[in-house]
Amino acid sequence: MSEEKTLMDFVKDAKSKITEIEVTDVVALLDEGYQVLDVREPAEFISGTIDGALNVPRGLLEAASDHQYPGKNAKMQDRDKKWLLFCATSGRSAMAASVMLQMGFKNIKNINGGMAAWKTAEMHVVIPEHH
């Protein structure tokens, strides 16, 4: 019998398959046309995010990105679009990045350390406007 996998096992596996960047790389990548994708839950998103981030919670990512799903997100259909993913500490976003690569996205990078690292580096945090 195989051992039960832990959350960290899933995160470690995902991180072995994706490209990670540091918070200090974000601004330069935004200048190259990358957009930030915040995969945290809505309550986390509204408490503060990276300027210009799109919020698609991790639990909705596959549905939002699926060309054939009726509830898909129009902003998540272009497989060539460049995305920088983050969550609170980079675990959920690492798994999300791995899934997006499997779904055909080509330009996916994960922000190592997530919002925690962003705040530690004293990078700018914005409160998103409610729509």
C-alpha atoms as a PDB file:
ATOM      1  CA  MET A   1       0.000   0.000   0.000  1.00  0.00           C
ATOM      2  CA  SER A   2       1.201   3.461  -0.803  1.00  0.00           C
ATOM      3  CA  GLU A   3       1.563   6.183   1.760  1.00  0.00           C
ATOM      4  CA  GLU A   4      -1.082   8.844   2.064  1.00  0.00           C
ATOM      5  CA  LYS A   5      -0.026  12.061   0.350  1.00  0.00           C
ATOM      6  CA  THR A   6       0.081  15.307   2.294  1.00  0.00           C
ATOM      7  CA  LEU A   7      -0.561  18.830   1.089  1.00  0.00           C
ATOM      8  CA  MET A   8       3.187  19.444   1.045  1.00  0.00           C
ATOM      9  CA  ASP A   9       3.653  16.374  -1.174  1.00  0.00           C
ATOM     10  CA  PHE A  10       1.267  17.898  -3.719  1.00  0.00           C
ATOM     11  CA  VAL A  11       2.954  21.305  -3.478  1.00  0.00           C
ATOM     12  CA  LYS A  12       6.450  19.795  -3.839  1.00  0.00           C
ATOM     13  CA  ASP A  13       5.332  17.780  -6.865  1.00  0.00           C
ATOM     14  CA  ALA A  14       3.756  20.856  -8.466  1.00  0.00           C
ATOM     15  CA  LYS A  15       6.821  23.013  -7.785  1.00  0.00           C
ATOM     16  CA  SER A  16       9.004  20.429  -9.558  1.00  0.00           C
ATOM     17  CA  LYS A  17       6.997  20.994 -12.770  1.00  0.00           C
ATOM     18  CA  ILE A  18       6.646  24.770 -12.889  1.00  0.00           C
ATOM     19  CA  THR A  19       8.741  27.936 -13.176  1.00  0.00           C
ATOM     20  CA  GLU A  20       8.991  30.051 -10.051  1.00  0.00           C
ATOM     21  CA  ILE A  21      10.072  33.664  -9.775  1.00  0.00           C
ATOM     22  CA  GLU A  22      10.848  35.927  -6.845  1.00  0.00           C
ATOM     23  CA  VAL A  23       8.724  38.941  -5.875  1.00  0.00           C
ATOM     24  CA  THR A  24      11.582  41.158  -7.056  1.00  0.00           C
ATOM     25  CA  ASP A  25      11.072  39.822 -10.621  1.00  0.00           C
ATOM     26  CA  VAL A  26       7.382  40.748 -10.825  1.00  0.00           C
ATOM     27  CA  VAL A  27       7.632  44.366 -11.990  1.00  0.00           C
ATOM     28  CA  ALA A  28       9.951  43.501 -14.891  1.00  0.00           C
ATOM     29  CA  LEU A  29       7.642  40.666 -15.955  1.00  0.00           C
ATOM     30  CA  LEU A  30       4.596  42.968 -15.817  1.00  0.00           C
ATOM     31  CA  ASP A  31       6.487  45.222 -18.228  1.00  0.00           C
ATOM     32  CA  GLU A  32       6.866  42.157 -20.507  1.00  0.00           C
ATOM     33  CA  GLY A  33       3.082  41.736 -20.654  1.00  0.00           C
ATOM     34  CA  TYR A  34       2.431  39.306 -17.817  1.00  0.00           C
ATOM     35  CA  GLN A  35      -0.781  39.676 -15.794  1.00  0.00           C
ATOM     36  CA  VAL A  36      -1.157  38.707 -12.149  1.00  0.00           C
ATOM     37  CA  LEU A  37      -3.600  35.934 -11.249  1.00  0.00           C
ATOM     38  CA  ASP A  38      -4.588  35.760  -7.569  1.00  0.00           C
ATOM     39  CA  VAL A  39      -5.849  32.222  -6.837  1.00  0.00           C
ATOM     40  CA  ARG A  40      -6.789  32.947  -3.214  1.00  0.00           C
ATOM     41  CA  GLU A  41     -10.354  32.973  -1.948  1.00  0.00           C
ATOM     42  CA  PRO A  42     -12.422  36.158  -2.461  1.00  0.00           C
ATOM     43  CA  ALA A  43     -12.146  37.180   1.215  1.00  0.00           C
ATOM     44  CA  GLU A  44      -8.351  37.006   0.952  1.00  0.00           C
ATOM     45  CA  PHE A  45      -8.385  38.921  -2.339  1.00  0.00           C
ATOM     46  CA  ILE A  46     -10.463  41.812  -1.019  1.00  0.00           C
ATOM     47  CA  SER A  47      -8.212  42.171   2.022  1.00  0.00           C
ATOM     48  CA  GLY A  48      -5.377  43.212  -0.317  1.00  0.00           C
ATOM     49  CA  THR A  49      -3.800  42.042  -3.561  1.00  0.00           C
ATOM     50  CA  ILE A  50      -1.237  42.967  -6.223  1.00  0.00           C
ATOM     51  CA  ASP A  51      -2.355  45.895  -8.374  1.00  0.00           C
ATOM     52  CA  GLY A  52      -4.223  44.736 -11.475  1.00  0.00           C
ATOM     53  CA  ALA A  53      -4.639  41.128 -10.312  1.00  0.00           C
ATOM     54  CA  LEU A  54      -7.490  38.979 -11.584  1.00  0.00           C
ATOM     55  CA  ASN A  55      -9.054  36.838  -8.851  1.00  0.00           C
ATOM     56  CA  VAL A  56      -9.924  33.266  -9.849  1.00  0.00           C
ATOM     57  CA  PRO A  57      -9.972  31.121  -6.693  1.00  0.00           C
ATOM     58  CA  ARG A  58      -8.021  27.849  -6.880  1.00  0.00           C
ATOM     59  CA  GLY A  59     -11.208  25.810  -6.544  1.00  0.00           C
ATOM     60  CA  LEU A  60     -12.714  27.433  -9.652  1.00  0.00           C
ATOM     61  CA  LEU A  61      -9.598  27.519 -11.826  1.00  0.00           C
ATOM     62  CA  GLU A  62     -10.249  24.461 -13.995  1.00  0.00           C
ATOM     63  CA  ALA A  63     -13.848  25.502 -14.696  1.00  0.00           C
ATOM     64  CA  ALA A  64     -12.831  29.108 -15.429  1.00  0.00           C
ATOM     65  CA  SER A  65     -10.083  27.960 -17.823  1.00  0.00           C
ATOM     66  CA  ASP A  66     -11.973  25.187 -19.649  1.00  0.00           C
ATOM     67  CA  HIS A  67     -12.940  26.173 -23.210  1.00  0.00           C
ATOM     68  CA  GLN A  68     -15.949  23.833 -23.108  1.00  0.00           C
ATOM     69  CA  TYR A  69     -17.345  24.728 -19.672  1.00  0.00           C
ATOM     70  CA  PRO A  70     -20.479  26.920 -19.846  1.00  0.00           C
ATOM     71  CA  GLY A  71     -19.343  29.004 -16.849  1.00  0.00           C
ATOM     72  CA  LYS A  72     -15.853  29.667 -18.210  1.00  0.00           C
ATOM     73  CA  ASN A  73     -14.125  33.006 -17.619  1.00  0.00           C
ATOM     74  CA  ALA A  74     -13.505  34.845 -20.902  1.00  0.00           C
ATOM     75  CA  LYS A  75     -10.264  36.273 -19.481  1.00  0.00           C
ATOM     76  CA  MET A  76      -8.930  32.732 -18.951  1.00  0.00           C
ATOM     77  CA  GLN A  77      -9.307  31.354 -22.490  1.00  0.00           C
ATOM     78  CA  ASP A  78      -6.128  32.567 -24.241  1.00  0.00           C
ATOM     79  CA  ARG A  79      -3.486  29.869 -23.783  1.00  0.00           C
ATOM     80  CA  ASP A  80      -0.720  32.248 -24.906  1.00  0.00           C
ATOM     81  CA  LYS A  81      -1.539  34.887 -22.295  1.00  0.00           C
ATOM     82  CA  LYS A  82       1.250  35.405 -19.762  1.00  0.00           C
ATOM     83  CA  TRP A  83       0.267  34.797 -16.128  1.00  0.00           C
ATOM     84  CA  LEU A  84       2.030  35.324 -12.797  1.00  0.00           C
ATOM     85  CA  LEU A  85       0.232  33.275 -10.165  1.00  0.00           C
ATOM     86  CA  PHE A  86       0.180  33.773  -6.429  1.00  0.00           C
ATOM     87  CA  CYS A  87      -1.689  32.814  -3.274  1.00  0.00           C
ATOM     88  CA  ALA A  88      -0.873  33.323   0.414  1.00  0.00           C
ATOM     89  CA  THR A  89       2.447  31.436   0.549  1.00  0.00           C
ATOM     90  CA  SER A  90       2.733  29.853  -2.974  1.00  0.00           C
ATOM     91  CA  GLY A  91       1.363  26.353  -2.348  1.00  0.00           C
ATOM     92  CA  ARG A  92      -2.075  26.736  -3.930  1.00  0.00           C
ATOM     93  CA  SER A  93      -0.642  28.815  -6.767  1.00  0.00           C
ATOM     94  CA  ALA A  94       2.031  26.184  -7.469  1.00  0.00           C
ATOM     95  CA  MET A  95      -0.687  23.547  -7.845  1.00  0.00           C
ATOM     96  CA  ALA A  96      -2.739  25.980  -9.950  1.00  0.00           C
ATOM     97  CA  ALA A  97       0.272  26.691 -12.196  1.00  0.00           C
ATOM     98  CA  SER A  98       0.817  22.966 -12.715  1.00  0.00           C
ATOM     99  CA  VAL A  99      -2.846  22.496 -13.683  1.00  0.00           C
ATOM    100  CA  MET A 100      -2.768  25.465 -16.064  1.00  0.00           C
ATOM    101  CA  LEU A 101       0.279  24.010 -17.838  1.00  0.00           C
ATOM    102  CA  GLN A 102      -1.600  20.718 -18.216  1.00  0.00           C
ATOM    103  CA  MET A 103      -4.550  22.690 -19.641  1.00  0.00           C
ATOM    104  CA  GLY A 104      -2.316  24.102 -22.381  1.00  0.00           C
ATOM    105  CA  PHE A 105      -1.220  27.459 -20.995  1.00  0.00           C
ATOM    106  CA  LYS A 106       2.324  28.222 -22.163  1.00  0.00           C
ATOM    107  CA  ASN A 107       3.463  31.265 -20.158  1.00  0.00           C
ATOM    108  CA  ILE A 108       2.861  30.503 -16.486  1.00  0.00           C
ATOM    109  CA  LYS A 109       5.109  31.556 -13.613  1.00  0.00           C
ATOM    110  CA  ASN A 110       4.501  31.160  -9.887  1.00  0.00           C
ATOM    111  CA  ILE A 111       5.463  33.916  -7.448  1.00  0.00           C
ATOM    112  CA  ASN A 112       7.546  32.110  -4.820  1.00  0.00           C
ATOM    113  CA  GLY A 113       6.376  32.894  -1.285  1.00  0.00           C
ATOM    114  CA  GLY A 114       3.099  34.439  -2.422  1.00  0.00           C
ATOM    115  CA  MET A 115       1.488  37.365  -0.628  1.00  0.00           C
ATOM    116  CA  ALA A 116       3.565  36.679   2.490  1.00  0.00           C
ATOM    117  CA  ALA A 117       6.807  37.254   0.545  1.00  0.00           C
ATOM    118  CA  TRP A 118       5.253  40.223  -1.273  1.00  0.00           C
ATOM    119  CA  LYS A 119       4.449  41.917   2.043  1.00  0.00           C
ATOM    120  CA  THR A 120       7.832  41.002   3.562  1.00  0.00           C
ATOM    121  CA  ALA A 121       9.498  42.707   0.582  1.00  0.00           C
ATOM    122  CA  GLU A 122       7.281  45.750   1.296  1.00  0.00           C
ATOM    123  CA  MET A 123       5.820  45.648  -2.211  1.00  0.00           C
ATOM    124  CA  HIS A 124       2.671  47.669  -2.963  1.00  0.00           C
ATOM    125  CA  VAL A 125      -0.641  46.077  -1.902  1.00  0.00           C
ATOM    126  CA  VAL A 126      -3.985  47.406  -3.141  1.00  0.00           C
ATOM    127  CA  ILE A 127      -7.536  46.913  -1.923  1.00  0.00           C
ATOM    128  CA  PRO A 128      -9.517  45.918  -5.025  1.00  0.00           C
ATOM    129  CA  GLU A 129     -12.639  47.859  -5.926  1.00  0.00           C
ATOM    130  CA  HIS A 130     -15.910  45.998  -5.424  1.00  0.00           C
ATOM    131  CA  HIS A 131     -17.841  45.474  -8.631  1.00  0.00           C
END
